[in-house]
N, C-alpha and C. Protein backbone atom coordinates (compact mmCIF):
# COMPACT_ATOMS: atom_id res chain seq x y z
N MET A 1 50.81 7.73 135.24
CA MET A 1 49.65 7.96 136.08
C MET A 1 48.62 6.87 135.79
N GLU A 2 48.27 6.13 136.82
CA GLU A 2 47.32 5.03 136.68
C GLU A 2 45.88 5.56 136.75
N LYS A 3 45.03 5.08 135.88
CA LYS A 3 43.63 5.51 135.87
C LYS A 3 42.91 4.93 137.07
N ASN A 4 42.17 5.76 137.78
CA ASN A 4 41.40 5.28 138.92
C ASN A 4 39.95 5.74 138.87
N VAL A 5 39.49 6.19 137.71
CA VAL A 5 38.10 6.58 137.51
C VAL A 5 37.54 5.69 136.41
N GLY A 6 36.50 4.94 136.72
CA GLY A 6 35.89 4.03 135.76
C GLY A 6 35.10 4.77 134.68
N THR A 7 34.62 4.02 133.70
CA THR A 7 33.92 4.61 132.56
C THR A 7 32.62 5.30 132.96
N LYS A 8 31.80 4.63 133.76
CA LYS A 8 30.53 5.23 134.18
C LYS A 8 30.79 6.47 135.04
N GLU A 9 31.73 6.36 135.96
CA GLU A 9 32.05 7.48 136.82
C GLU A 9 32.61 8.64 136.00
N ARG A 10 33.32 8.32 134.94
CA ARG A 10 33.88 9.35 134.06
C ARG A 10 32.76 10.22 133.48
N TYR A 11 31.72 9.57 132.96
CA TYR A 11 30.61 10.31 132.37
C TYR A 11 29.84 11.11 133.42
N VAL A 12 29.70 10.54 134.61
CA VAL A 12 29.02 11.26 135.69
C VAL A 12 29.81 12.50 136.08
N ARG A 13 31.13 12.37 136.20
CA ARG A 13 31.97 13.51 136.57
C ARG A 13 31.90 14.61 135.52
N ILE A 14 31.96 14.25 134.25
CA ILE A 14 31.90 15.25 133.18
C ILE A 14 30.53 15.92 133.20
N GLY A 15 29.46 15.14 133.36
CA GLY A 15 28.12 15.70 133.40
C GLY A 15 27.92 16.64 134.57
N LEU A 16 28.39 16.24 135.75
CA LEU A 16 28.27 17.11 136.92
C LEU A 16 29.11 18.37 136.77
N GLY A 17 30.25 18.24 136.11
CA GLY A 17 31.08 19.41 135.86
C GLY A 17 30.40 20.41 134.96
N VAL A 18 29.73 19.91 133.93
CA VAL A 18 29.00 20.79 133.02
C VAL A 18 27.85 21.47 133.75
N VAL A 19 27.13 20.70 134.56
CA VAL A 19 26.01 21.27 135.33
C VAL A 19 26.53 22.33 136.31
N ALA A 20 27.63 22.04 136.99
CA ALA A 20 28.19 23.02 137.93
C ALA A 20 28.66 24.27 137.19
N GLY A 21 29.21 24.11 136.01
CA GLY A 21 29.63 25.26 135.21
C GLY A 21 28.45 26.12 134.80
N LEU A 22 27.37 25.47 134.40
CA LEU A 22 26.17 26.23 134.02
C LEU A 22 25.57 26.94 135.23
N ALA A 23 25.59 26.28 136.38
CA ALA A 23 25.08 26.91 137.61
C ALA A 23 25.94 28.11 137.99
N ALA A 24 27.25 28.00 137.80
CA ALA A 24 28.14 29.12 138.09
C ALA A 24 27.85 30.29 137.16
N PHE A 25 27.53 29.99 135.92
CA PHE A 25 27.19 31.04 134.96
C PHE A 25 25.91 31.76 135.38
N LYS A 26 24.95 30.99 135.90
CA LYS A 26 23.68 31.58 136.35
C LYS A 26 23.86 32.43 137.61
N MET A 27 24.85 32.11 138.45
CA MET A 27 25.06 32.79 139.73
C MET A 27 26.18 33.84 139.64
N ARG A 28 26.27 34.53 138.54
CA ARG A 28 27.35 35.49 138.33
C ARG A 28 27.37 36.61 139.35
N LYS A 29 26.25 36.95 139.94
CA LYS A 29 26.20 38.07 140.88
C LYS A 29 26.89 37.74 142.20
N SER A 30 26.86 36.50 142.60
CA SER A 30 27.54 36.08 143.82
C SER A 30 28.93 35.55 143.42
N LYS A 31 29.93 36.39 143.57
CA LYS A 31 31.27 36.04 143.09
C LYS A 31 31.88 34.85 143.84
N ILE A 32 31.62 34.73 145.12
CA ILE A 32 32.19 33.62 145.90
C ILE A 32 31.57 32.30 145.48
N ALA A 33 30.24 32.24 145.43
CA ALA A 33 29.56 31.01 145.04
C ALA A 33 29.90 30.64 143.60
N SER A 34 29.95 31.63 142.74
CA SER A 34 30.27 31.39 141.34
C SER A 34 31.69 30.86 141.20
N GLY A 35 32.62 31.45 141.95
CA GLY A 35 34.01 31.00 141.90
C GLY A 35 34.18 29.57 142.39
N LEU A 36 33.47 29.24 143.48
CA LEU A 36 33.54 27.87 144.00
C LEU A 36 32.96 26.86 143.00
N LEU A 37 31.86 27.24 142.38
CA LEU A 37 31.26 26.34 141.39
C LEU A 37 32.14 26.17 140.16
N VAL A 38 32.78 27.23 139.72
CA VAL A 38 33.69 27.13 138.57
C VAL A 38 34.85 26.21 138.92
N SER A 39 35.38 26.35 140.13
CA SER A 39 36.48 25.49 140.58
C SER A 39 36.05 24.03 140.64
N ALA A 40 34.88 23.77 141.20
CA ALA A 40 34.37 22.40 141.29
C ALA A 40 34.11 21.84 139.90
N ALA A 41 33.58 22.67 139.01
CA ALA A 41 33.29 22.22 137.64
C ALA A 41 34.58 21.86 136.92
N ALA A 42 35.58 22.70 137.04
CA ALA A 42 36.86 22.42 136.37
C ALA A 42 37.50 21.15 136.90
N SER A 43 37.45 20.96 138.21
CA SER A 43 38.03 19.77 138.82
C SER A 43 37.30 18.50 138.37
N ALA A 44 35.97 18.56 138.35
CA ALA A 44 35.19 17.38 137.95
C ALA A 44 35.43 17.05 136.49
N ILE A 45 35.45 18.05 135.63
CA ILE A 45 35.66 17.79 134.21
C ILE A 45 37.08 17.27 133.97
N LYS A 46 38.07 17.85 134.65
CA LYS A 46 39.46 17.40 134.48
C LYS A 46 39.63 15.94 134.90
N SER A 47 39.05 15.58 136.05
CA SER A 47 39.20 14.20 136.51
C SER A 47 38.40 13.23 135.64
N GLY A 48 37.31 13.69 135.05
CA GLY A 48 36.55 12.84 134.15
C GLY A 48 37.26 12.61 132.84
N VAL A 49 37.84 13.65 132.30
CA VAL A 49 38.55 13.53 131.01
C VAL A 49 39.84 12.73 131.16
N SER A 50 40.60 13.01 132.22
CA SER A 50 41.88 12.32 132.40
C SER A 50 41.73 10.93 133.04
N GLN A 51 40.56 10.64 133.58
CA GLN A 51 40.27 9.39 134.29
C GLN A 51 41.22 9.17 135.48
N TYR A 52 41.63 10.26 136.10
CA TYR A 52 42.49 10.19 137.28
C TYR A 52 41.99 11.21 138.30
N CYS A 53 41.77 10.73 139.52
CA CYS A 53 41.33 11.60 140.60
C CYS A 53 42.39 11.54 141.71
N PRO A 54 43.07 12.66 141.98
CA PRO A 54 44.10 12.65 143.02
C PRO A 54 43.58 12.30 144.40
N MET A 55 42.34 12.70 144.72
CA MET A 55 41.78 12.38 146.04
C MET A 55 41.57 10.87 146.19
N LYS A 56 41.07 10.23 145.13
CA LYS A 56 40.89 8.78 145.19
C LYS A 56 42.24 8.07 145.29
N ALA A 57 43.26 8.63 144.65
CA ALA A 57 44.59 8.03 144.73
C ALA A 57 45.15 8.13 146.15
N LYS A 58 44.95 9.28 146.81
CA LYS A 58 45.42 9.45 148.18
C LYS A 58 44.71 8.51 149.14
N LEU A 59 43.41 8.27 148.89
CA LEU A 59 42.63 7.39 149.75
C LEU A 59 42.83 5.91 149.42
N GLY A 60 43.48 5.63 148.29
CA GLY A 60 43.72 4.25 147.89
C GLY A 60 42.52 3.57 147.27
N ILE A 61 41.62 4.37 146.70
CA ILE A 61 40.41 3.82 146.08
C ILE A 61 40.68 3.64 144.59
N GLY A 62 40.33 2.46 144.07
CA GLY A 62 40.54 2.19 142.65
C GLY A 62 39.36 2.62 141.81
N ALA A 63 39.29 2.06 140.60
CA ALA A 63 38.25 2.44 139.65
C ALA A 63 36.93 1.74 139.91
N GLY A 64 36.86 0.82 140.86
CA GLY A 64 35.61 0.16 141.17
C GLY A 64 35.41 -1.15 140.44
N GLU A 65 36.37 -1.57 139.65
CA GLU A 65 36.23 -2.84 138.95
C GLU A 65 36.61 -4.02 139.83
N GLU A 66 37.24 -3.75 140.97
CA GLU A 66 37.67 -4.82 141.85
C GLU A 66 36.52 -5.30 142.71
N SER A 67 36.49 -6.59 142.98
CA SER A 67 35.47 -7.13 143.86
C SER A 67 36.02 -7.21 145.28
N MET A 68 35.17 -7.53 146.22
CA MET A 68 35.60 -7.60 147.61
C MET A 68 36.56 -8.75 147.87
N ASP A 69 36.58 -9.81 147.02
CA ASP A 69 37.53 -10.88 147.25
C ASP A 69 38.79 -10.71 146.42
N SER A 70 39.12 -9.51 146.07
CA SER A 70 40.33 -9.31 145.29
C SER A 70 41.55 -9.58 146.18
N PRO A 71 42.62 -10.09 145.62
CA PRO A 71 43.81 -10.39 146.41
C PRO A 71 44.38 -9.15 147.11
N ARG A 72 44.24 -7.99 146.52
CA ARG A 72 44.78 -6.77 147.12
C ARG A 72 44.08 -6.47 148.44
N LEU A 73 42.77 -6.66 148.49
CA LEU A 73 42.04 -6.40 149.72
C LEU A 73 42.27 -7.49 150.75
N ALA A 74 42.35 -8.73 150.33
CA ALA A 74 42.52 -9.85 151.26
C ALA A 74 43.89 -9.85 151.90
N SER A 75 44.90 -9.31 151.22
CA SER A 75 46.25 -9.34 151.78
C SER A 75 46.57 -8.09 152.58
N SER A 76 45.61 -7.23 152.78
CA SER A 76 45.83 -6.01 153.54
C SER A 76 46.16 -6.36 154.98
N PRO A 77 47.20 -5.75 155.57
CA PRO A 77 47.56 -6.09 156.95
C PRO A 77 46.53 -5.63 157.97
N ASN A 78 45.72 -4.66 157.64
CA ASN A 78 44.72 -4.16 158.58
C ASN A 78 43.34 -4.74 158.33
N HIS A 79 43.26 -5.76 157.53
CA HIS A 79 41.98 -6.36 157.17
C HIS A 79 41.44 -7.12 158.37
N GLU A 80 40.28 -6.73 158.89
CA GLU A 80 39.73 -7.30 160.13
C GLU A 80 39.33 -8.76 159.98
N TYR A 81 38.89 -9.16 158.81
CA TYR A 81 38.35 -10.50 158.64
C TYR A 81 39.37 -11.46 158.06
N SER A 82 40.62 -11.19 158.23
CA SER A 82 41.67 -12.05 157.72
C SER A 82 41.63 -13.40 158.44
N THR A 83 41.78 -14.47 157.70
CA THR A 83 41.76 -15.81 158.29
C THR A 83 43.09 -16.15 158.95
N GLN A 84 44.09 -15.31 158.78
CA GLN A 84 45.40 -15.59 159.34
C GLN A 84 45.57 -15.06 160.75
N SER A 85 44.60 -14.36 161.29
CA SER A 85 44.76 -13.75 162.60
C SER A 85 44.71 -14.77 163.74
N GLY A 86 44.00 -15.85 163.55
CA GLY A 86 43.92 -16.89 164.56
C GLY A 86 42.89 -16.59 165.64
N ALA A 87 42.39 -15.40 165.73
CA ALA A 87 41.37 -15.05 166.73
C ALA A 87 39.97 -15.35 166.20
N ILE A 88 39.13 -15.81 167.10
CA ILE A 88 37.76 -16.14 166.70
C ILE A 88 36.80 -15.25 167.39
C-alpha cells in the first residue's frame, strides 16, 4: 500500500479525528449525529496513522509533494495544455 497522505496532512487528519471524537462524546443524546461523528473520527484517525486514504487513491491524488510540472501530470493523455496536441 503506497502512502498518499503527507506529513502535515497526517497531523491535521489525526487532530480532526480527535476533535470529532470529542464532539461525538459531547453529543451522546443524539445517537445518529454521535454515530456519524464517531465514524468520521475513526476514519480520519485511521487514514492519518496509516498515511493512506482510499478516497484519495480512487481519485488519483498523491501526497501533495508533486509539483505541477511533474512528468506524471505532463504525460497524462487528458491533459488540456499538452504541447503535443498541435492545436493552438
